[in-house]
């Protein structure tokens, strides 16, 4: 599912105009992005949580040349799946979408 499909699903399930559903979706994504950028975590019970993980610098290799390079420290968002979502995904039969 992509963003436009999510907007369509929201509009359909709530009987909301597509424009309004798009605005709600964009607001939700912006609020989540801003919270993560501030280093906050986001927890959605039954779905999962988003946290920002700090990674230290390390020595890596340039894949083309094999040359050693110093990789700067970085922060990346990380998603941890919730119990309800994990159980729902694992309950699906193989070969079914």
C-alpha atoms as a PDB file:
ATOM      1  CA  UNK A   1       0.000   0.000   0.000  1.00  0.00           C
ATOM      2  CA  UNK A   2       1.314   3.424  -0.899  1.00  0.00           C
ATOM      3  CA  UNK A   3       0.299   6.852   0.405  1.00  0.00           C
ATOM      4  CA  UNK A   4      -2.420   7.480  -2.181  1.00  0.00           C
ATOM      5  CA  UNK A   5      -3.940   4.042  -1.497  1.00  0.00           C
ATOM      6  CA  UNK A   6      -3.902   4.835   2.223  1.00  0.00           C
ATOM      7  CA  UNK A   7      -5.703   8.124   1.549  1.00  0.00           C
ATOM      8  CA  UNK A   8      -8.307   6.323  -0.580  1.00  0.00           C
ATOM      9  CA  UNK A   9      -8.861   3.700   2.143  1.00  0.00           C
ATOM     10  CA  UNK A  10      -9.290   6.407   4.792  1.00  0.00           C
ATOM     11  CA  UNK A  11     -11.747   8.320   2.613  1.00  0.00           C
ATOM     12  CA  UNK A  12     -13.747   5.175   1.874  1.00  0.00           C
ATOM     13  CA  UNK A  13     -13.912   3.899   5.467  1.00  0.00           C
ATOM     14  CA  UNK A  14     -14.860   7.283   6.936  1.00  0.00           C
ATOM     15  CA  UNK A  15     -17.034   8.592   4.088  1.00  0.00           C
ATOM     16  CA  UNK A  16     -14.692  11.573   3.925  1.00  0.00           C
ATOM     17  CA  UNK A  17     -13.819  13.469   0.734  1.00  0.00           C
ATOM     18  CA  UNK A  18     -10.451  12.462  -0.768  1.00  0.00           C
ATOM     19  CA  UNK A  19      -9.056  15.984  -0.242  1.00  0.00           C
ATOM     20  CA  UNK A  20      -9.903  15.902   3.455  1.00  0.00           C
ATOM     21  CA  UNK A  21      -8.512  12.370   3.845  1.00  0.00           C
ATOM     22  CA  UNK A  22      -5.321  13.533   2.124  1.00  0.00           C
ATOM     23  CA  UNK A  23      -5.047  16.463   4.503  1.00  0.00           C
ATOM     24  CA  UNK A  24      -5.554  14.204   7.543  1.00  0.00           C
ATOM     25  CA  UNK A  25      -2.979  11.713   6.264  1.00  0.00           C
ATOM     26  CA  UNK A  26      -0.419  14.434   5.515  1.00  0.00           C
ATOM     27  CA  UNK A  27      -0.953  16.017   8.946  1.00  0.00           C
ATOM     28  CA  UNK A  28      -0.458  12.662  10.665  1.00  0.00           C
ATOM     29  CA  UNK A  29       2.728  11.907   8.721  1.00  0.00           C
ATOM     30  CA  UNK A  30       4.102  15.418   9.342  1.00  0.00           C
ATOM     31  CA  UNK A  31       3.401  15.178  13.093  1.00  0.00           C
ATOM     32  CA  UNK A  32       5.128  11.782  13.285  1.00  0.00           C
ATOM     33  CA  UNK A  33       8.109  13.031  11.261  1.00  0.00           C
ATOM     34  CA  UNK A  34       8.511  16.105  13.456  1.00  0.00           C
ATOM     35  CA  UNK A  35       8.315  14.029  16.658  1.00  0.00           C
ATOM     36  CA  UNK A  36      11.017  11.646  15.398  1.00  0.00           C
ATOM     37  CA  UNK A  37      13.182  14.587  14.284  1.00  0.00           C
ATOM     38  CA  UNK A  38      12.978  15.922  17.865  1.00  0.00           C
ATOM     39  CA  UNK A  39      14.182  12.514  19.108  1.00  0.00           C
ATOM     40  CA  UNK A  40      10.801  11.518  20.542  1.00  0.00           C
ATOM     41  CA  UNK A  41       9.374   8.024  20.215  1.00  0.00           C
ATOM     42  CA  UNK A  42       5.909   7.196  18.899  1.00  0.00           C
ATOM     43  CA  UNK A  43       3.853   4.319  20.285  1.00  0.00           C
ATOM     44  CA  UNK A  44       0.677   3.113  18.610  1.00  0.00           C
ATOM     45  CA  UNK A  45      -0.750   0.317  20.761  1.00  0.00           C
ATOM     46  CA  UNK A  46      -1.449  -2.847  18.803  1.00  0.00           C
ATOM     47  CA  UNK A  47       0.523  -1.592  15.795  1.00  0.00           C
ATOM     48  CA  UNK A  48       4.047  -0.824  16.961  1.00  0.00           C
ATOM     49  CA  UNK A  49       6.462   1.869  17.999  1.00  0.00           C
ATOM     50  CA  UNK A  50       8.900   4.143  16.228  1.00  0.00           C
ATOM     51  CA  UNK A  51      12.101   5.161  18.001  1.00  0.00           C
ATOM     52  CA  UNK A  52      15.229   6.999  16.927  1.00  0.00           C
ATOM     53  CA  UNK A  53      18.385   4.909  17.314  1.00  0.00           C
ATOM     54  CA  UNK A  54      21.836   6.467  17.597  1.00  0.00           C
ATOM     55  CA  UNK A  55      24.623   4.721  15.687  1.00  0.00           C
ATOM     56  CA  UNK A  56      28.294   5.426  16.435  1.00  0.00           C
ATOM     57  CA  UNK A  57      30.830   6.119  13.723  1.00  0.00           C
ATOM     58  CA  UNK A  58      32.692   3.173  12.245  1.00  0.00           C
ATOM     59  CA  UNK A  59      35.192   2.282   9.555  1.00  0.00           C
ATOM     60  CA  UNK A  60      33.479   1.006   6.421  1.00  0.00           C
ATOM     61  CA  UNK A  61      34.596   0.201   2.889  1.00  0.00           C
ATOM     62  CA  UNK A  62      33.775   1.845  -0.408  1.00  0.00           C
ATOM     63  CA  UNK A  63      32.103  -1.023  -2.335  1.00  0.00           C
ATOM     64  CA  UNK A  64      33.589   0.096  -5.669  1.00  0.00           C
ATOM     65  CA  UNK A  65      37.198   0.629  -4.635  1.00  0.00           C
ATOM     66  CA  UNK A  66      37.474  -1.335  -1.385  1.00  0.00           C
ATOM     67  CA  UNK A  67      39.014   1.781   0.172  1.00  0.00           C
ATOM     68  CA  UNK A  68      38.462   2.219   3.925  1.00  0.00           C
ATOM     69  CA  UNK A  69      36.273   5.190   4.829  1.00  0.00           C
ATOM     70  CA  UNK A  70      35.120   6.685   8.113  1.00  0.00           C
ATOM     71  CA  UNK A  71      31.335   6.586   8.398  1.00  0.00           C
ATOM     72  CA  UNK A  72      29.974   9.449  10.519  1.00  0.00           C
ATOM     73  CA  UNK A  73      27.693   8.793  13.496  1.00  0.00           C
ATOM     74  CA  UNK A  74      24.023   8.933  12.599  1.00  0.00           C
ATOM     75  CA  UNK A  75      20.486   8.661  13.908  1.00  0.00           C
ATOM     76  CA  UNK A  76      17.932   6.510  12.128  1.00  0.00           C
ATOM     77  CA  UNK A  77      14.259   5.797  12.766  1.00  0.00           C
ATOM     78  CA  UNK A  78      13.522   2.216  13.806  1.00  0.00           C
ATOM     79  CA  UNK A  79      10.133   0.444  13.857  1.00  0.00           C
ATOM     80  CA  UNK A  80       9.337  -2.283  16.362  1.00  0.00           C
ATOM     81  CA  UNK A  81       6.192  -4.236  15.504  1.00  0.00           C
ATOM     82  CA  UNK A  82       3.461  -4.562  18.145  1.00  0.00           C
ATOM     83  CA  UNK A  83       2.134  -7.885  19.399  1.00  0.00           C
ATOM     84  CA  UNK A  84      -1.319  -7.556  17.773  1.00  0.00           C
ATOM     85  CA  UNK A  85       0.135  -6.704  14.349  1.00  0.00           C
ATOM     86  CA  UNK A  86       2.736  -9.475  14.566  1.00  0.00           C
ATOM     87  CA  UNK A  87       0.054 -12.041  15.421  1.00  0.00           C
ATOM     88  CA  UNK A  88      -2.229 -10.833  12.635  1.00  0.00           C
ATOM     89  CA  UNK A  89       0.570 -10.995  10.042  1.00  0.00           C
ATOM     90  CA  UNK A  90       1.650 -14.464  11.187  1.00  0.00           C
ATOM     91  CA  UNK A  91      -1.951 -15.755  11.114  1.00  0.00           C
ATOM     92  CA  UNK A  92      -2.132 -15.283   7.332  1.00  0.00           C
ATOM     93  CA  UNK A  93      -1.847 -18.412   5.255  1.00  0.00           C
ATOM     94  CA  UNK A  94       1.142 -18.784   2.896  1.00  0.00           C
ATOM     95  CA  UNK A  95       0.472 -17.636  -0.655  1.00  0.00           C
ATOM     96  CA  UNK A  96      -2.385 -15.301   0.330  1.00  0.00           C
ATOM     97  CA  UNK A  97      -2.196 -11.509   0.115  1.00  0.00           C
END
